[in-house]
Amino acid sequence: MSVKCQFNESAKSMKRKRPSPFCIRLSETQRARLADEASGVPLGAYIKAKALGEPLRRRRTGLSIEDREALAKTLALLGKSRLSSNLNQLAHAANIGSLPITPETEKFLCDCLCDVQEIRSLLMRALGLKTERDQ
């Protein structure tokens, strides 16, 4: 038996079989009531905790799913904009002298770069994620 076959066989045996889901039908009123009581916690987690009498585990941030999605989209747009990369390139060009610049302009560019990094850090913390600075 080849190494590849052995690896695939061991990977198959390591897979954990998940239990089948349990479905329940609710009226729109019942579902709305449960969603209101859950107050931002995923409905499945809320129902499971309530049915089993277990303590409800809250998200690290306490934000609703919609808020987390909005923050994640904002963070993605910030990364996609390449704003911090462009500011860094301008600061580098200023530092090596290929871009004539005054000390005030150089300080302004460095401050802008720090502001973008701070925005990113705040968004990451709002999402409950660790930044490089936190580690």
C-alpha atoms as a PDB file:
ATOM      1  CA  MET A   1       0.000   0.000   0.000  1.00  0.00           C
ATOM      2  CA  SER A   2       1.373   3.415  -0.960  1.00  0.00           C
ATOM      3  CA  VAL A   3       1.939   6.241   1.519  1.00  0.00           C
ATOM      4  CA  LYS A   4      -0.863   8.215  -0.143  1.00  0.00           C
ATOM      5  CA  CYS A   5      -3.346   5.363   0.363  1.00  0.00           C
ATOM      6  CA  GLN A   6      -2.265   4.946   3.992  1.00  0.00           C
ATOM      7  CA  PHE A   7      -2.697   8.675   4.592  1.00  0.00           C
ATOM      8  CA  ASN A   8      -6.174   8.700   3.025  1.00  0.00           C
ATOM      9  CA  GLU A   9      -7.265   5.664   5.057  1.00  0.00           C
ATOM     10  CA  SER A  10      -6.073   7.177   8.330  1.00  0.00           C
ATOM     11  CA  ALA A  11      -7.773  10.494   7.483  1.00  0.00           C
ATOM     12  CA  LYS A  12     -11.074   8.684   6.882  1.00  0.00           C
ATOM     13  CA  SER A  13     -10.865   6.896  10.219  1.00  0.00           C
ATOM     14  CA  MET A  14     -10.153  10.187  12.023  1.00  0.00           C
ATOM     15  CA  LYS A  15     -13.310  11.910  10.726  1.00  0.00           C
ATOM     16  CA  ARG A  16     -15.809  12.460  13.486  1.00  0.00           C
ATOM     17  CA  LYS A  17     -19.361  11.548  12.645  1.00  0.00           C
ATOM     18  CA  ARG A  18     -21.748  14.299  13.686  1.00  0.00           C
ATOM     19  CA  PRO A  19     -25.186  13.440  14.989  1.00  0.00           C
ATOM     20  CA  SER A  20     -28.107  14.101  12.679  1.00  0.00           C
ATOM     21  CA  PRO A  21     -29.906  17.438  13.152  1.00  0.00           C
ATOM     22  CA  PHE A  22     -33.174  17.695  15.025  1.00  0.00           C
ATOM     23  CA  CYS A  23     -35.887  19.709  13.302  1.00  0.00           C
ATOM     24  CA  ILE A  24     -38.827  21.492  14.865  1.00  0.00           C
ATOM     25  CA  ARG A  25     -41.649  23.389  13.187  1.00  0.00           C
ATOM     26  CA  LEU A  26     -42.614  26.749  14.624  1.00  0.00           C
ATOM     27  CA  SER A  27     -45.231  29.259  13.656  1.00  0.00           C
ATOM     28  CA  GLU A  28     -44.001  32.680  12.567  1.00  0.00           C
ATOM     29  CA  THR A  29     -45.181  34.085  15.892  1.00  0.00           C
ATOM     30  CA  GLN A  30     -43.340  31.427  17.898  1.00  0.00           C
ATOM     31  CA  ARG A  31     -40.162  31.899  15.891  1.00  0.00           C
ATOM     32  CA  ALA A  32     -40.330  35.693  16.262  1.00  0.00           C
ATOM     33  CA  ARG A  33     -40.829  35.320  20.017  1.00  0.00           C
ATOM     34  CA  LEU A  34     -37.829  33.002  20.343  1.00  0.00           C
ATOM     35  CA  ALA A  35     -35.680  35.285  18.177  1.00  0.00           C
ATOM     36  CA  ASP A  36     -36.673  38.230  20.366  1.00  0.00           C
ATOM     37  CA  GLU A  37     -35.835  36.305  23.544  1.00  0.00           C
ATOM     38  CA  ALA A  38     -32.515  35.182  22.053  1.00  0.00           C
ATOM     39  CA  SER A  39     -31.529  38.853  21.556  1.00  0.00           C
ATOM     40  CA  GLY A  40     -28.737  38.347  19.037  1.00  0.00           C
ATOM     41  CA  VAL A  41     -27.698  34.820  20.035  1.00  0.00           C
ATOM     42  CA  PRO A  42     -28.083  32.312  17.168  1.00  0.00           C
ATOM     43  CA  LEU A  43     -31.543  30.806  17.407  1.00  0.00           C
ATOM     44  CA  GLY A  44     -30.298  27.199  17.372  1.00  0.00           C
ATOM     45  CA  ALA A  45     -27.914  27.848  20.261  1.00  0.00           C
ATOM     46  CA  TYR A  46     -30.633  29.624  22.232  1.00  0.00           C
ATOM     47  CA  ILE A  47     -33.172  26.819  21.755  1.00  0.00           C
ATOM     48  CA  LYS A  48     -30.588  24.156  22.646  1.00  0.00           C
ATOM     49  CA  ALA A  49     -29.584  25.961  25.848  1.00  0.00           C
ATOM     50  CA  LYS A  50     -33.197  26.552  26.820  1.00  0.00           C
ATOM     51  CA  ALA A  51     -34.332  22.974  26.071  1.00  0.00           C
ATOM     52  CA  LEU A  52     -31.426  21.339  27.908  1.00  0.00           C
ATOM     53  CA  GLY A  53     -31.381  23.801  30.798  1.00  0.00           C
ATOM     54  CA  GLU A  54     -27.772  24.722  30.099  1.00  0.00           C
ATOM     55  CA  PRO A  55     -26.334  28.193  30.600  1.00  0.00           C
ATOM     56  CA  LEU A  56     -26.445  30.322  27.486  1.00  0.00           C
ATOM     57  CA  ARG A  57     -23.002  30.957  26.055  1.00  0.00           C
ATOM     58  CA  ARG A  58     -22.804  34.444  24.600  1.00  0.00           C
ATOM     59  CA  ARG A  59     -20.592  35.562  21.789  1.00  0.00           C
ATOM     60  CA  ARG A  60     -17.314  37.155  22.765  1.00  0.00           C
ATOM     61  CA  THR A  61     -18.484  40.490  21.401  1.00  0.00           C
ATOM     62  CA  GLY A  62     -22.148  40.345  22.333  1.00  0.00           C
ATOM     63  CA  LEU A  63     -22.972  41.696  18.874  1.00  0.00           C
ATOM     64  CA  SER A  64     -25.818  40.460  16.748  1.00  0.00           C
ATOM     65  CA  ILE A  65     -25.047  38.484  13.620  1.00  0.00           C
ATOM     66  CA  GLU A  66     -26.039  41.482  11.461  1.00  0.00           C
ATOM     67  CA  ASP A  67     -23.610  43.765  13.337  1.00  0.00           C
ATOM     68  CA  ARG A  68     -20.801  41.222  13.029  1.00  0.00           C
ATOM     69  CA  GLU A  69     -21.475  40.886   9.288  1.00  0.00           C
ATOM     70  CA  ALA A  70     -21.418  44.669   8.839  1.00  0.00           C
ATOM     71  CA  LEU A  71     -18.134  44.938  10.732  1.00  0.00           C
ATOM     72  CA  ALA A  72     -16.635  42.065   8.747  1.00  0.00           C
ATOM     73  CA  LYS A  73     -17.651  43.707   5.446  1.00  0.00           C
ATOM     74  CA  THR A  74     -16.137  47.005   6.594  1.00  0.00           C
ATOM     75  CA  LEU A  75     -12.897  45.264   7.518  1.00  0.00           C
ATOM     76  CA  ALA A  76     -12.848  43.476   4.152  1.00  0.00           C
ATOM     77  CA  LEU A  77     -13.384  46.745   2.272  1.00  0.00           C
ATOM     78  CA  LEU A  78     -10.559  48.366   4.232  1.00  0.00           C
ATOM     79  CA  GLY A  79      -8.238  45.516   3.236  1.00  0.00           C
ATOM     80  CA  LYS A  80      -9.446  45.546  -0.361  1.00  0.00           C
ATOM     81  CA  SER A  81      -8.898  49.296  -0.698  1.00  0.00           C
ATOM     82  CA  ARG A  82      -5.111  48.880  -0.343  1.00  0.00           C
ATOM     83  CA  LEU A  83      -5.192  52.259   1.380  1.00  0.00           C
ATOM     84  CA  SER A  84      -2.610  51.303   3.981  1.00  0.00           C
ATOM     85  CA  SER A  85      -0.333  49.815   1.304  1.00  0.00           C
ATOM     86  CA  ASN A  86      -0.542  52.974  -0.804  1.00  0.00           C
ATOM     87  CA  LEU A  87       0.184  55.177   2.208  1.00  0.00           C
ATOM     88  CA  ASN A  88       3.148  52.973   3.086  1.00  0.00           C
ATOM     89  CA  GLN A  89       4.515  53.290  -0.475  1.00  0.00           C
ATOM     90  CA  LEU A  90       4.206  57.081  -0.290  1.00  0.00           C
ATOM     91  CA  ALA A  91       5.970  57.139   3.072  1.00  0.00           C
ATOM     92  CA  HIS A  92       8.722  54.896   1.681  1.00  0.00           C
ATOM     93  CA  ALA A  93       9.179  57.116  -1.392  1.00  0.00           C
ATOM     94  CA  ALA A  94       9.392  60.120   0.910  1.00  0.00           C
ATOM     95  CA  ASN A  95      11.963  58.380   3.135  1.00  0.00           C
ATOM     96  CA  ILE A  96      14.283  57.444   0.256  1.00  0.00           C
ATOM     97  CA  GLY A  97      14.033  60.885  -1.328  1.00  0.00           C
ATOM     98  CA  SER A  98      12.351  59.951  -4.618  1.00  0.00           C
ATOM     99  CA  LEU A  99       9.344  62.054  -3.623  1.00  0.00           C
ATOM    100  CA  PRO A 100      10.177  65.622  -2.650  1.00  0.00           C
ATOM    101  CA  ILE A 101       8.396  66.235   0.595  1.00  0.00           C
ATOM    102  CA  THR A 102       8.493  68.554   3.568  1.00  0.00           C
ATOM    103  CA  PRO A 103       8.814  67.288   7.148  1.00  0.00           C
ATOM    104  CA  GLU A 104       5.193  68.290   7.783  1.00  0.00           C
ATOM    105  CA  THR A 105       3.967  66.228   4.812  1.00  0.00           C
ATOM    106  CA  GLU A 106       6.038  63.245   5.918  1.00  0.00           C
ATOM    107  CA  LYS A 107       4.550  63.451   9.412  1.00  0.00           C
ATOM    108  CA  PHE A 108       1.068  63.708   7.886  1.00  0.00           C
ATOM    109  CA  LEU A 109       1.635  60.537   5.826  1.00  0.00           C
ATOM    110  CA  CYS A 110       2.928  58.643   8.859  1.00  0.00           C
ATOM    111  CA  ASP A 111      -0.060  59.821  10.904  1.00  0.00           C
ATOM    112  CA  CYS A 112      -2.430  58.648   8.146  1.00  0.00           C
ATOM    113  CA  LEU A 113      -0.797  55.226   8.143  1.00  0.00           C
ATOM    114  CA  CYS A 114      -1.170  54.978  11.914  1.00  0.00           C
ATOM    115  CA  ASP A 115      -4.837  56.002  11.641  1.00  0.00           C
ATOM    116  CA  VAL A 116      -5.551  53.253   9.094  1.00  0.00           C
ATOM    117  CA  GLN A 117      -3.816  50.691  11.320  1.00  0.00           C
ATOM    118  CA  GLU A 118      -5.858  51.886  14.296  1.00  0.00           C
ATOM    119  CA  ILE A 119      -9.132  51.601  12.315  1.00  0.00           C
ATOM    120  CA  ARG A 120      -8.210  48.039  11.398  1.00  0.00           C
ATOM    121  CA  SER A 121      -7.334  47.213  14.982  1.00  0.00           C
ATOM    122  CA  LEU A 122     -10.616  48.642  16.299  1.00  0.00           C
ATOM    123  CA  LEU A 123     -12.630  46.685  13.727  1.00  0.00           C
ATOM    124  CA  MET A 124     -10.791  43.469  14.584  1.00  0.00           C
ATOM    125  CA  ARG A 125     -11.418  43.989  18.298  1.00  0.00           C
ATOM    126  CA  ALA A 126     -15.102  44.757  17.639  1.00  0.00           C
ATOM    127  CA  LEU A 127     -15.338  41.415  15.848  1.00  0.00           C
ATOM    128  CA  GLY A 128     -13.685  39.674  18.785  1.00  0.00           C
ATOM    129  CA  LEU A 129     -10.556  38.832  16.788  1.00  0.00           C
ATOM    130  CA  LYS A 130      -6.983  39.278  17.968  1.00  0.00           C
ATOM    131  CA  THR A 131      -4.654  41.629  16.150  1.00  0.00           C
ATOM    132  CA  GLU A 132      -0.906  41.358  15.804  1.00  0.00           C
ATOM    133  CA  ARG A 133      -0.582  43.952  18.561  1.00  0.00           C
ATOM    134  CA  ASP A 134      -2.674  41.847  20.976  1.00  0.00           C
ATOM    135  CA  GLN A 135      -0.529  38.730  20.579  1.00  0.00           C
END
